Amino acid sequence: MYIVFFAILAVLGYGSLFWRDKPLLLLLGIIATTVLMLAPLDGPVVISTEFDSNWLGTEQGTATDLDRTGSDDWVILALDPDGWDFQVWLWLHVAILIIQSVSFFGILMRAVA
């Protein structure tokens, strides 16, 4: 579900650059871009899954029982706060937000005038 959430945010945030003539989608894009920009600030975005498997059967006439449990961590986005990739992530989204905001306020000013 977390991956779907990020996919929707990405479509709204980055897709709103193409929908600059639709104010509602542009406003949703500004919100989505802000959330995408702030998501990795607290730490890496990680999905944890846990599994538990039981296999019962026989091998060479003897009953066998195999239990397997564990967990996996899937890292969706991990940026080092001191690295260049984090700075690029922030400034790229700031530039996208500036483009979206100028387009949105341009629509508002044309509607008011």
PDB file of N, CA and C in Angstrom:
ATOM      1  N   MET A   1       0.818  -1.193   0.000  1.00  0.00           N
ATOM      2  CA  MET A   1       0.000   0.000   0.000  1.00  0.00           C
ATOM      3  C   MET A   1       0.864   1.260   0.000  1.00  0.00           C
ATOM      4  N   TYR A   2       2.017   1.160   0.655  1.00  0.00           N
ATOM      5  CA  TYR A   2       2.929   2.293   0.729  1.00  0.00           C
ATOM      6  C   TYR A   2       3.479   2.647  -0.650  1.00  0.00           C
ATOM      7  N   ILE A   3       3.749   1.624  -1.455  1.00  0.00           N
ATOM      8  CA  ILE A   3       4.263   1.853  -2.808  1.00  0.00           C
ATOM      9  C   ILE A   3       3.206   2.534  -3.661  1.00  0.00           C
ATOM     10  N   VAL A   4       1.946   2.131  -3.504  1.00  0.00           N
ATOM     11  CA  VAL A   4       0.847   2.762  -4.245  1.00  0.00           C
ATOM     12  C   VAL A   4       0.721   4.230  -3.839  1.00  0.00           C
ATOM     13  N   PHE A   5       0.879   4.515  -2.554  1.00  0.00           N
ATOM     14  CA  PHE A   5       0.822   5.891  -2.066  1.00  0.00           C
ATOM     15  C   PHE A   5       1.902   6.750  -2.725  1.00  0.00           C
ATOM     16  N   PHE A   6       3.128   6.229  -2.784  1.00  0.00           N
ATOM     17  CA  PHE A   6       4.203   6.980  -3.418  1.00  0.00           C
ATOM     18  C   PHE A   6       4.001   7.100  -4.921  1.00  0.00           C
ATOM     19  N   ALA A   7       3.420   6.086  -5.549  1.00  0.00           N
ATOM     20  CA  ALA A   7       3.143   6.171  -6.988  1.00  0.00           C
ATOM     21  C   ALA A   7       2.106   7.257  -7.271  1.00  0.00           C
ATOM     22  N   ILE A   8       1.068   7.326  -6.446  1.00  0.00           N
ATOM     23  CA  ILE A   8       0.043   8.368  -6.621  1.00  0.00           C
ATOM     24  C   ILE A   8       0.649   9.752  -6.394  1.00  0.00           C
ATOM     25  N   LEU A   9       1.481   9.878  -5.365  1.00  0.00           N
ATOM     26  CA  LEU A   9       2.149  11.162  -5.116  1.00  0.00           C
ATOM     27  C   LEU A   9       3.039  11.560  -6.289  1.00  0.00           C
ATOM     28  N   ALA A  10       3.751  10.602  -6.849  1.00  0.00           N
ATOM     29  CA  ALA A  10       4.637  10.907  -7.974  1.00  0.00           C
ATOM     30  C   ALA A  10       3.846  11.331  -9.205  1.00  0.00           C
ATOM     31  N   VAL A  11       2.749  10.635  -9.485  1.00  0.00           N
ATOM     32  CA  VAL A  11       1.928  11.000 -10.650  1.00  0.00           C
ATOM     33  C   VAL A  11       1.337  12.390 -10.465  1.00  0.00           C
ATOM     34  N   LEU A  12       0.817  12.666  -9.270  1.00  0.00           N
ATOM     35  CA  LEU A  12       0.244  13.994  -9.026  1.00  0.00           C
ATOM     36  C   LEU A  12       1.316  15.083  -9.008  1.00  0.00           C
ATOM     37  N   GLY A  13       2.414  14.821  -8.326  1.00  0.00           N
ATOM     38  CA  GLY A  13       3.449  15.838  -8.170  1.00  0.00           C
ATOM     39  C   GLY A  13       4.167  16.169  -9.460  1.00  0.00           C
ATOM     40  N   TYR A  14       4.651  15.139 -10.141  1.00  0.00           N
ATOM     41  CA  TYR A  14       5.419  15.388 -11.360  1.00  0.00           C
ATOM     42  C   TYR A  14       4.505  15.564 -12.568  1.00  0.00           C
ATOM     43  N   GLY A  15       3.347  14.931 -12.549  1.00  0.00           N
ATOM     44  CA  GLY A  15       2.406  15.085 -13.653  1.00  0.00           C
ATOM     45  C   GLY A  15       1.772  16.453 -13.704  1.00  0.00           C
ATOM     46  N   SER A  16       1.726  17.136 -12.574  1.00  0.00           N
ATOM     47  CA  SER A  16       1.111  18.470 -12.571  1.00  0.00           C
ATOM     48  C   SER A  16       1.938  19.481 -13.363  1.00  0.00           C
ATOM     49  N   LEU A  17       3.187  19.151 -13.652  1.00  0.00           N
ATOM     50  CA  LEU A  17       3.966  20.017 -14.542  1.00  0.00           C
ATOM     51  C   LEU A  17       3.367  20.026 -15.946  1.00  0.00           C
ATOM     52  N   PHE A  18       2.709  18.938 -16.315  1.00  0.00           N
ATOM     53  CA  PHE A  18       2.052  18.872 -17.617  1.00  0.00           C
ATOM     54  C   PHE A  18       0.625  19.410 -17.557  1.00  0.00           C
ATOM     55  N   TRP A  19       0.024  19.433 -16.362  1.00  0.00           N
ATOM     56  CA  TRP A  19      -1.365  19.889 -16.194  1.00  0.00           C
ATOM     57  C   TRP A  19      -1.394  21.305 -15.638  1.00  0.00           C
ATOM     58  N   ARG A  20      -0.544  22.174 -16.122  1.00  0.00           N
ATOM     59  CA  ARG A  20      -0.476  23.526 -15.569  1.00  0.00           C
ATOM     60  C   ARG A  20      -1.698  24.360 -15.901  1.00  0.00           C
ATOM     61  N   ASP A  21      -2.547  23.900 -16.801  1.00  0.00           N
ATOM     62  CA  ASP A  21      -3.744  24.672 -17.145  1.00  0.00           C
ATOM     63  C   ASP A  21      -4.957  24.254 -16.324  1.00  0.00           C
ATOM     64  N   LYS A  22      -4.820  23.240 -15.471  1.00  0.00           N
ATOM     65  CA  LYS A  22      -5.923  22.767 -14.630  1.00  0.00           C
ATOM     66  C   LYS A  22      -5.605  23.105 -13.167  1.00  0.00           C
ATOM     67  N   PRO A  23      -6.286  24.113 -12.600  1.00  0.00           N
ATOM     68  CA  PRO A  23      -5.894  24.593 -11.263  1.00  0.00           C
ATOM     69  C   PRO A  23      -6.045  23.559 -10.152  1.00  0.00           C
ATOM     70  N   LEU A  24      -7.071  22.717 -10.194  1.00  0.00           N
ATOM     71  CA  LEU A  24      -7.254  21.732  -9.123  1.00  0.00           C
ATOM     72  C   LEU A  24      -6.130  20.700  -9.135  1.00  0.00           C
ATOM     73  N   LEU A  25      -5.793  20.196 -10.317  1.00  0.00           N
ATOM     74  CA  LEU A  25      -4.697  19.229 -10.403  1.00  0.00           C
ATOM     75  C   LEU A  25      -3.360  19.882 -10.068  1.00  0.00           C
ATOM     76  N   LEU A  26      -3.226  21.143 -10.404  1.00  0.00           N
ATOM     77  CA  LEU A  26      -1.997  21.863 -10.071  1.00  0.00           C
ATOM     78  C   LEU A  26      -1.867  22.045  -8.561  1.00  0.00           C
ATOM     79  N   LEU A  27      -2.959  22.342  -7.892  1.00  0.00           N
ATOM     80  CA  LEU A  27      -2.937  22.474  -6.432  1.00  0.00           C
ATOM     81  C   LEU A  27      -2.631  21.132  -5.764  1.00  0.00           C
ATOM     82  N   LEU A  28      -3.240  20.055  -6.260  1.00  0.00           N
ATOM     83  CA  LEU A  28      -2.921  18.719  -5.739  1.00  0.00           C
ATOM     84  C   LEU A  28      -1.458  18.364  -6.007  1.00  0.00           C
ATOM     85  N   GLY A  29      -0.947  18.803  -7.146  1.00  0.00           N
ATOM     86  CA  GLY A  29       0.457  18.562  -7.463  1.00  0.00           C
ATOM     87  C   GLY A  29       1.397  19.296  -6.533  1.00  0.00           C
ATOM     88  N   ILE A  30       1.035  20.507  -6.142  1.00  0.00           N
ATOM     89  CA  ILE A  30       1.857  21.263  -5.191  1.00  0.00           C
ATOM     90  C   ILE A  30       1.899  20.545  -3.846  1.00  0.00           C
ATOM     91  N   ILE A  31       0.762  20.052  -3.406  1.00  0.00           N
ATOM     92  CA  ILE A  31       0.709  19.309  -2.138  1.00  0.00           C
ATOM     93  C   ILE A  31       1.524  18.025  -2.240  1.00  0.00           C
ATOM     94  N   ALA A  32       1.356  17.283  -3.342  1.00  0.00           N
ATOM     95  CA  ALA A  32       2.075  16.020  -3.516  1.00  0.00           C
ATOM     96  C   ALA A  32       3.583  16.242  -3.604  1.00  0.00           C
ATOM     97  N   THR A  33       4.008  17.285  -4.287  1.00  0.00           N
ATOM     98  CA  THR A  33       5.438  17.576  -4.396  1.00  0.00           C
ATOM     99  C   THR A  33       6.023  17.940  -3.038  1.00  0.00           C
ATOM    100  N   THR A  34       5.265  18.667  -2.240  1.00  0.00           N
ATOM    101  CA  THR A  34       5.729  19.012  -0.892  1.00  0.00           C
ATOM    102  C   THR A  34       5.891  17.760  -0.032  1.00  0.00           C
ATOM    103  N   VAL A  35       4.929  16.852  -0.106  1.00  0.00           N
ATOM    104  CA  VAL A  35       5.027  15.604   0.670  1.00  0.00           C
ATOM    105  C   VAL A  35       6.207  14.770   0.182  1.00  0.00           C
ATOM    106  N   LEU A  36       6.384  14.676  -1.135  1.00  0.00           N
ATOM    107  CA  LEU A  36       7.524  13.925  -1.670  1.00  0.00           C
ATOM    108  C   LEU A  36       8.852  14.541  -1.248  1.00  0.00           C
ATOM    109  N   MET A  37       8.904  15.865  -1.188  1.00  0.00           N
ATOM    110  CA  MET A  37      10.138  16.531  -0.805  1.00  0.00           C
ATOM    111  C   MET A  37      10.461  16.269   0.666  1.00  0.00           C
ATOM    112  N   LEU A  38       9.446  16.248   1.516  1.00  0.00           N
ATOM    113  CA  LEU A  38       9.673  16.106   2.954  1.00  0.00           C
ATOM    114  C   LEU A  38       9.726  14.656   3.424  1.00  0.00           C
ATOM    115  N   ALA A  39       9.355  13.700   2.579  1.00  0.00           N
ATOM    116  CA  ALA A  39       9.285  12.294   2.995  1.00  0.00           C
ATOM    117  C   ALA A  39      10.609  11.740   3.513  1.00  0.00           C
ATOM    118  N   PRO A  40      11.743  11.959   2.847  1.00  0.00           N
ATOM    119  CA  PRO A  40      12.978  11.341   3.344  1.00  0.00           C
ATOM    120  C   PRO A  40      13.682  12.121   4.447  1.00  0.00           C
ATOM    121  N   LEU A  41      13.092  13.197   4.969  1.00  0.00           N
ATOM    122  CA  LEU A  41      13.775  13.994   5.988  1.00  0.00           C
ATOM    123  C   LEU A  41      13.908  13.262   7.317  1.00  0.00           C
ATOM    124  N   ASP A  42      12.951  12.408   7.650  1.00  0.00           N
ATOM    125  CA  ASP A  42      12.960  11.715   8.935  1.00  0.00           C
ATOM    126  C   ASP A  42      13.859  10.485   8.915  1.00  0.00           C
ATOM    127  N   GLY A  43      14.215  10.020   7.764  1.00  0.00           N
ATOM    128  CA  GLY A  43      15.022   8.813   7.616  1.00  0.00           C
ATOM    129  C   GLY A  43      14.604   8.104   6.348  1.00  0.00           C
ATOM    130  N   PRO A  44      15.180   6.948   6.097  1.00  0.00           N
ATOM    131  CA  PRO A  44      14.821   6.236   4.875  1.00  0.00           C
ATOM    132  C   PRO A  44      13.381   5.741   4.913  1.00  0.00           C
ATOM    133  N   VAL A  45      12.786   5.677   3.735  1.00  0.00           N
ATOM    134  CA  VAL A  45      11.428   5.152   3.604  1.00  0.00           C
ATOM    135  C   VAL A  45      11.561   3.646   3.392  1.00  0.00           C
ATOM    136  N   VAL A  46      11.111   2.856   4.380  1.00  0.00           N
ATOM    137  CA  VAL A  46      11.325   1.412   4.383  1.00  0.00           C
ATOM    138  C   VAL A  46       9.996   0.703   4.598  1.00  0.00           C
ATOM    139  N   ILE A  47       9.794  -0.380   3.851  1.00  0.00           N
ATOM    140  CA  ILE A  47       8.639  -1.256   4.062  1.00  0.00           C
ATOM    141  C   ILE A  47       9.154  -2.541   4.694  1.00  0.00           C
ATOM    142  N   SER A  48       8.581  -2.941   5.814  1.00  0.00           N
ATOM    143  CA  SER A  48       8.973  -4.182   6.481  1.00  0.00           C
ATOM    144  C   SER A  48       7.890  -5.228   6.281  1.00  0.00           C
ATOM    145  N   THR A  49       8.299  -6.415   5.869  1.00  0.00           N
ATOM    146  CA  THR A  49       7.358  -7.524   5.711  1.00  0.00           C
ATOM    147  C   THR A  49       7.827  -8.682   6.579  1.00  0.00           C
ATOM    148  N   GLU A  50       6.869  -9.417   7.101  1.00  0.00           N
ATOM    149  CA  GLU A  50       7.171 -10.597   7.908  1.00  0.00           C
ATOM    150  C   GLU A  50       6.507 -11.801   7.273  1.00  0.00           C
ATOM    151  N   PHE A  51       7.183 -12.935   7.331  1.00  0.00           N
ATOM    152  CA  PHE A  51       6.615 -14.143   6.749  1.00  0.00           C
ATOM    153  C   PHE A  51       6.782 -15.303   7.714  1.00  0.00           C
ATOM    154  N   ASP A  52       5.871 -16.253   7.587  1.00  0.00           N
ATOM    155  CA  ASP A  52       5.865 -17.453   8.410  1.00  0.00           C
ATOM    156  C   ASP A  52       5.391 -18.596   7.524  1.00  0.00           C
ATOM    157  N   SER A  53       6.233 -19.588   7.318  1.00  0.00           N
ATOM    158  CA  SER A  53       5.897 -20.696   6.427  1.00  0.00           C
ATOM    159  C   SER A  53       6.051 -22.017   7.161  1.00  0.00           C
ATOM    160  N   ASN A  54       5.101 -22.903   6.947  1.00  0.00           N
ATOM    161  CA  ASN A  54       5.151 -24.256   7.499  1.00  0.00           C
ATOM    162  C   ASN A  54       5.023 -25.250   6.357  1.00  0.00           C
ATOM    163  N   TRP A  55       5.957 -26.190   6.278  1.00  0.00           N
ATOM    164  CA  TRP A  55       5.874 -27.261   5.294  1.00  0.00           C
ATOM    165  C   TRP A  55       5.869 -28.585   6.041  1.00  0.00           C
ATOM    166  N   LEU A  56       4.833 -29.353   5.800  1.00  0.00           N
ATOM    167  CA  LEU A  56       4.710 -30.675   6.403  1.00  0.00           C
ATOM    168  C   LEU A  56       4.791 -31.706   5.292  1.00  0.00           C
ATOM    169  N   GLY A  57       5.481 -32.795   5.537  1.00  0.00           N
ATOM    170  CA  GLY A  57       5.569 -33.837   4.520  1.00  0.00           C
ATOM    171  C   GLY A  57       6.372 -35.013   5.036  1.00  0.00           C
ATOM    172  N   THR A  58       6.655 -35.909   4.123  1.00  0.00           N
ATOM    173  CA  THR A  58       7.466 -37.078   4.481  1.00  0.00           C
ATOM    174  C   THR A  58       8.626 -37.182   3.507  1.00  0.00           C
ATOM    175  N   GLU A  59       9.723 -37.638   4.039  1.00  0.00           N
ATOM    176  CA  GLU A  59      10.886 -37.882   3.202  1.00  0.00           C
ATOM    177  C   GLU A  59      11.506 -39.190   3.648  1.00  0.00           C
ATOM    178  N   GLN A  60      11.607 -40.119   2.734  1.00  0.00           N
ATOM    179  CA  GLN A  60      12.146 -41.457   2.984  1.00  0.00           C
ATOM    180  C   GLN A  60      11.405 -42.132   4.124  1.00  0.00           C
ATOM    181  N   GLY A  61      10.085 -41.970   4.120  1.00  0.00           N
ATOM    182  CA  GLY A  61       9.251 -42.640   5.106  1.00  0.00           C
ATOM    183  C   GLY A  61       9.223 -41.973   6.468  1.00  0.00           C
ATOM    184  N   THR A  62       9.910 -40.871   6.654  1.00  0.00           N
ATOM    185  CA  THR A  62       9.930 -40.174   7.933  1.00  0.00           C
ATOM    186  C   THR A  62       9.216 -38.836   7.777  1.00  0.00           C
ATOM    187  N   ALA A  63       8.432 -38.500   8.787  1.00  0.00           N
ATOM    188  CA  ALA A  63       7.715 -37.222   8.752  1.00  0.00           C
ATOM    189  C   ALA A  63       8.708 -36.077   8.945  1.00  0.00           C
ATOM    190  N   THR A  64       8.566 -35.069   8.119  1.00  0.00           N
ATOM    191  CA  THR A  64       9.429 -33.890   8.248  1.00  0.00           C
ATOM    192  C   THR A  64       8.563 -32.667   8.499  1.00  0.00           C
ATOM    193  N   ASP A  65       9.093 -31.785   9.251  1.00  0.00           N
ATOM    194  CA  ASP A  65       8.404 -30.544   9.616  1.00  0.00           C
ATOM    195  C   ASP A  65       9.393 -29.401   9.415  1.00  0.00           C
ATOM    196  N   LEU A  66       9.028 -28.451   8.584  1.00  0.00           N
ATOM    197  CA  LEU A  66       9.930 -27.335   8.329  1.00  0.00           C
ATOM    198  C   LEU A  66       9.183 -26.036   8.587  1.00  0.00           C
ATOM    199  N   ASP A  67       9.663 -25.290   9.548  1.00  0.00           N
ATOM    200  CA  ASP A  67       9.089 -23.981   9.858  1.00  0.00           C
ATOM    201  C   ASP A  67      10.110 -22.914   9.472  1.00  0.00           C
ATOM    202  N   ARG A  68       9.612 -21.897   8.783  1.00  0.00           N
ATOM    203  CA  ARG A  68      10.494 -20.805   8.362  1.00  0.00           C
ATOM    204  C   ARG A  68       9.812 -19.483   8.692  1.00  0.00           C
ATOM    205  N   THR A  69      10.472 -18.676   9.473  1.00  0.00           N
ATOM    206  CA  THR A  69       9.950 -17.353   9.807  1.00  0.00           C
ATOM    207  C   THR A  69      11.052 -16.329   9.567  1.00  0.00           C
ATOM    208  N   GLY A  70      10.635 -15.112   9.326  1.00  0.00           N
ATOM    209  CA  GLY A  70      11.617 -14.058   9.118  1.00  0.00           C
ATOM    210  C   GLY A  70      10.949 -12.768   8.703  1.00  0.00           C
ATOM    211  N   SER A  71      11.768 -11.827   8.341  1.00  0.00           N
ATOM    212  CA  SER A  71      11.250 -10.537   7.888  1.00  0.00           C
ATOM    213  C   SER A  71      12.195  -9.964   6.838  1.00  0.00           C
ATOM    214  N   ASP A  72      11.630  -9.142   5.985  1.00  0.00           N
ATOM    215  CA  ASP A  72      12.396  -8.450   4.951  1.00  0.00           C
ATOM    216  C   ASP A  72      12.148  -6.956   5.081  1.00  0.00           C
ATOM    217  N   ASP A  73      13.165  -6.183   4.800  1.00  0.00           N
ATOM    218  CA  ASP A  73      13.035  -4.725   4.750  1.00  0.00           C
ATOM    219  C   ASP A  73      13.321  -4.272   3.327  1.00  0.00           C
ATOM    220  N   TRP A  74      12.355  -3.600   2.725  1.00  0.00           N
ATOM    221  CA  TRP A  74      12.513  -3.061   1.374  1.00  0.00           C
ATOM    222  C   TRP A  74      12.691  -1.558   1.495  1.00  0.00           C
ATOM    223  N   VAL A  75      13.798  -1.070   1.046  1.00  0.00           N
ATOM    224  CA  VAL A  75      14.086   0.360   1.105  1.00  0.00           C
ATOM    225  C   VAL A  75      13.573   1.003  -0.182  1.00  0.00           C
ATOM    226  N   ILE A  76      12.592   1.899  -0.043  1.00  0.00           N
ATOM    227  CA  ILE A  76      12.045   2.600  -1.201  1.00  0.00           C
ATOM    228  C   ILE A  76      12.905   3.815  -1.529  1.00  0.00           C
ATOM    229  N   LEU A  77      13.258   4.566  -0.513  1.00  0.00           N
ATOM    230  CA  LEU A  77      14.026   5.788  -0.734  1.00  0.00           C
ATOM    231  C   LEU A  77      14.919   6.027   0.475  1.00  0.00           C
ATOM    232  N   ALA A  78      16.210   6.100   0.243  1.00  0.00           N
ATOM    233  CA  ALA A  78      17.152   6.379   1.326  1.00  0.00           C
ATOM    234  C   ALA A  78      18.159   7.410   0.836  1.00  0.00           C
ATOM    235  N   LEU A  79      18.167   8.543   1.474  1.00  0.00           N
ATOM    236  CA  LEU A  79      19.093   9.619   1.114  1.00  0.00           C
ATOM    237  C   LEU A  79      19.929   9.982   2.334  1.00  0.00           C
ATOM    238  N   ASP A  80      21.222  10.151   2.115  1.00  0.00           N
ATOM    239  CA  ASP A  80      22.119  10.561   3.185  1.00  0.00           C
ATOM    240  C   ASP A  80      21.978  12.067   3.395  1.00  0.00           C
ATOM    241  N   PRO A  81      21.574  12.515   4.594  1.00  0.00           N
ATOM    242  CA  PRO A  81      21.365  13.954   4.815  1.00  0.00           C
ATOM    243  C   PRO A  81      22.615  14.804   4.586  1.00  0.00           C
ATOM    244  N   ASP A  82      23.791  14.200   4.656  1.00  0.00           N
ATOM    245  CA  ASP A  82      25.021  14.958   4.434  1.00  0.00           C
ATOM    246  C   ASP A  82      25.541  14.816   3.008  1.00  0.00           C
ATOM    247  N   GLY A  83      24.867  14.024   2.200  1.00  0.00           N
ATOM    248  CA  GLY A  83      25.369  13.764   0.854  1.00  0.00           C
ATOM    249  C   GLY A  83      24.792  14.699  -0.198  1.00  0.00           C
ATOM    250  N   TRP A  84      25.383  14.617  -1.387  1.00  0.00           N
ATOM    251  CA  TRP A  84      24.944  15.476  -2.490  1.00  0.00           C
ATOM    252  C   TRP A  84      23.580  15.058  -3.010  1.00  0.00           C
ATOM    253  N   ASP A  85      23.240  13.766  -2.914  1.00  0.00           N
ATOM    254  CA  ASP A  85      21.946  13.309  -3.435  1.00  0.00           C
ATOM    255  C   ASP A  85      20.781  13.923  -2.668  1.00  0.00           C
ATOM    256  N   PHE A  86      20.963  14.143  -1.384  1.00  0.00           N
ATOM    257  CA  PHE A  86      19.924  14.777  -0.579  1.00  0.00           C
ATOM    258  C   PHE A  86      19.727  16.231  -1.004  1.00  0.00           C
ATOM    259  N   GLN A  87      20.832  16.927  -1.259  1.00  0.00           N
ATOM    260  CA  GLN A  87      20.743  18.319  -1.707  1.00  0.00           C
ATOM    261  C   GLN A  87      20.074  18.420  -3.076  1.00  0.00           C
ATOM    262  N   VAL A  88      20.412  17.512  -3.969  1.00  0.00           N
ATOM    263  CA  VAL A  88      19.781  17.504  -5.293  1.00  0.00           C
ATOM    264  C   VAL A  88      18.290  17.230  -5.160  1.00  0.00           C
ATOM    265  N   TRP A  89      17.926  16.288  -4.291  1.00  0.00           N
ATOM    266  CA  TRP A  89      16.515  15.960  -4.062  1.00  0.00           C
ATOM    267  C   TRP A  89      15.746  17.194  -3.597  1.00  0.00           C
ATOM    268  N   LEU A  90      16.293  17.897  -2.613  1.00  0.00           N
ATOM    269  CA  LEU A  90      15.610  19.081  -2.086  1.00  0.00           C
ATOM    270  C   LEU A  90      15.509  20.198  -3.119  1.00  0.00           C
ATOM    271  N   TRP A  91      16.605  20.543  -3.773  1.00  0.00           N
ATOM    272  CA  TRP A  91      16.593  21.665  -4.708  1.00  0.00           C
ATOM    273  C   TRP A  91      15.792  21.360  -5.962  1.00  0.00           C
ATOM    274  N   LEU A  92      15.761  20.107  -6.388  1.00  0.00           N
ATOM    275  CA  LEU A  92      14.923  19.733  -7.527  1.00  0.00           C
ATOM    276  C   LEU A  92      13.454  19.952  -7.202  1.00  0.00           C
ATOM    277  N   HIS A  93      13.055  19.551  -6.000  1.00  0.00           N
ATOM    278  CA  HIS A  93      11.659  19.728  -5.613  1.00  0.00           C
ATOM    279  C   HIS A  93      11.321  21.193  -5.338  1.00  0.00           C
ATOM    280  N   VAL A  94      12.272  21.954  -4.846  1.00  0.00           N
ATOM    281  CA  VAL A  94      12.035  23.390  -4.680  1.00  0.00           C
ATOM    282  C   VAL A  94      11.823  24.042  -6.043  1.00  0.00           C
ATOM    283  N   ALA A  95      12.618  23.659  -7.036  1.00  0.00           N
ATOM    284  CA  ALA A  95      12.436  24.204  -8.387  1.00  0.00           C
ATOM    285  C   ALA A  95      11.082  23.809  -8.968  1.00  0.00           C
ATOM    286  N   ILE A  96      10.681  22.560  -8.763  1.00  0.00           N
ATOM    287  CA  ILE A  96       9.363  22.114  -9.243  1.00  0.00           C
ATOM    288  C   ILE A  96       8.255  22.892  -8.540  1.00  0.00           C
ATOM    289  N   LEU A  97       8.410  23.111  -7.234  1.00  0.00           N
ATOM    290  CA  LEU A  97       7.407  23.881  -6.493  1.00  0.00           C
ATOM    291  C   LEU A  97       7.326  25.327  -6.985  1.00  0.00           C
ATOM    292  N   ILE A  98       8.450  25.917  -7.331  1.00  0.00           N
ATOM    293  CA  ILE A  98       8.429  27.289  -7.858  1.00  0.00           C
ATOM    294  C   ILE A  98       7.681  27.332  -9.185  1.00  0.00           C
ATOM    295  N   ILE A  99       7.954  26.383 -10.072  1.00  0.00           N
ATOM    296  CA  ILE A  99       7.254  26.339 -11.363  1.00  0.00           C
ATOM    297  C   ILE A  99       5.757  26.152 -11.155  1.00  0.00           C
ATOM    298  N   GLN A 100       5.392  25.219 -10.274  1.00  0.00           N
ATOM    299  CA  GLN A 100       3.970  24.966 -10.019  1.00  0.00           C
ATOM    300  C   GLN A 100       3.294  26.177  -9.391  1.00  0.00           C
ATOM    301  N   SER A 101       3.957  26.818  -8.443  1.00  0.00           N
ATOM    302  CA  SER A 101       3.352  27.967  -7.760  1.00  0.00           C
ATOM    303  C   SER A 101       3.175  29.152  -8.696  1.00  0.00           C
ATOM    304  N   VAL A 102       4.168  29.422  -9.532  1.00  0.00           N
ATOM    305  CA  VAL A 102       4.045  30.520 -10.491  1.00  0.00           C
ATOM    306  C   VAL A 102       2.900  30.244 -11.462  1.00  0.00           C
ATOM    307  N   SER A 103       2.779  29.008 -11.914  1.00  0.00           N
ATOM    308  CA  SER A 103       1.673  28.653 -12.816  1.00  0.00           C
ATOM    309  C   SER A 103       0.328  28.804 -12.117  1.00  0.00           C
ATOM    310  N   PHE A 104       0.251  28.353 -10.863  1.00  0.00           N
ATOM    311  CA  PHE A 104      -1.007  28.431 -10.122  1.00  0.00           C
ATOM    312  C   PHE A 104      -1.410  29.885  -9.878  1.00  0.00           C
ATOM    313  N   PHE A 105      -0.465  30.706  -9.444  1.00  0.00           N
ATOM    314  CA  PHE A 105      -0.796  32.110  -9.197  1.00  0.00           C
ATOM    315  C   PHE A 105      -1.068  32.860 -10.496  1.00  0.00           C
ATOM    316  N   GLY A 106      -0.465  32.430 -11.594  1.00  0.00           N
ATOM    317  CA  GLY A 106      -0.799  33.007 -12.897  1.00  0.00           C
ATOM    318  C   GLY A 106      -2.244  32.738 -13.271  1.00  0.00           C
ATOM    319  N   ILE A 107      -2.717  31.526 -13.000  1.00  0.00           N
ATOM    320  CA  ILE A 107      -4.127  31.191 -13.254  1.00  0.00           C
ATOM    321  C   ILE A 107      -5.032  32.034 -12.368  1.00  0.00           C
ATOM    322  N   LEU A 108      -4.666  32.173 -11.091  1.00  0.00           N
ATOM    323  CA  LEU A 108      -5.485  32.969 -10.167  1.00  0.00           C
ATOM    324  C   LEU A 108      -5.534  34.438 -10.579  1.00  0.00           C
ATOM    325  N   MET A 109      -4.414  34.996 -10.970  1.00  0.00           N
ATOM    326  CA  MET A 109      -4.392  36.413 -11.348  1.00  0.00           C
ATOM    327  C   MET A 109      -5.162  36.670 -12.643  1.00  0.00           C
ATOM    328  N   ARG A 110      -5.112  35.728 -13.584  1.00  0.00           N
ATOM    329  CA  ARG A 110      -5.909  35.888 -14.809  1.00  0.00           C
ATOM    330  C   ARG A 110      -7.397  35.793 -14.503  1.00  0.00           C
ATOM    331  N   ALA A 111      -7.768  34.956 -13.521  1.00  0.00           N
ATOM    332  CA  ALA A 111      -9.184  34.822 -13.161  1.00  0.00           C
ATOM    333  C   ALA A 111      -9.690  36.066 -12.441  1.00  0.00           C
ATOM    334  N   VAL A 112      -8.843  36.703 -11.645  1.00  0.00           N
ATOM    335  CA  VAL A 112      -9.247  37.889 -10.893  1.00  0.00           C
ATOM    336  C   VAL A 112      -9.315  39.114 -11.803  1.00  0.00           C
ATOM    337  N   ALA A 113      -8.396  39.209 -12.755  1.00  0.00           N
ATOM    338  CA  ALA A 113      -8.324  40.411 -13.616  1.00  0.00           C
ATOM    339  C   ALA A 113      -9.460  40.499 -14.595  1.00  0.00           C
TER     340      ALA A 113
END
